[in-house]
């Protein structure tokens, strides 16, 4: 294995860690949104619904009725939490792959 190969695996590992951290932050944002909604409900007695459309200030319409309904009705906290867990999982999986490849013994072929 050459030094360039080792450097490539280290870069892949670093990128996968960054992806995992991004996923964790997105997951924490989903929990924070739910926490804020609960605080608002306990303080004022009114549940403030936050949908994906509220999180997308630039959103107008996709032209697809079903996708527009999904964007309008899906809770922002759930979408942030689930997508954050998925992104973190991808980051961990890529990091494990890079670590396994980096530490694999050399073939003597």
Foldseek 3Di string as FASTA:
>chain_A
DDPVLLVVLVVLLVVLVVLLVQLVVLLVVLVVVVVVQVVCCVVPVDGDFAFQCNVVVPDDDDPDPVVVVCRVPHGSSVVSNVVSVVSNVSSVVSNVVSVCVNPPDDDPD
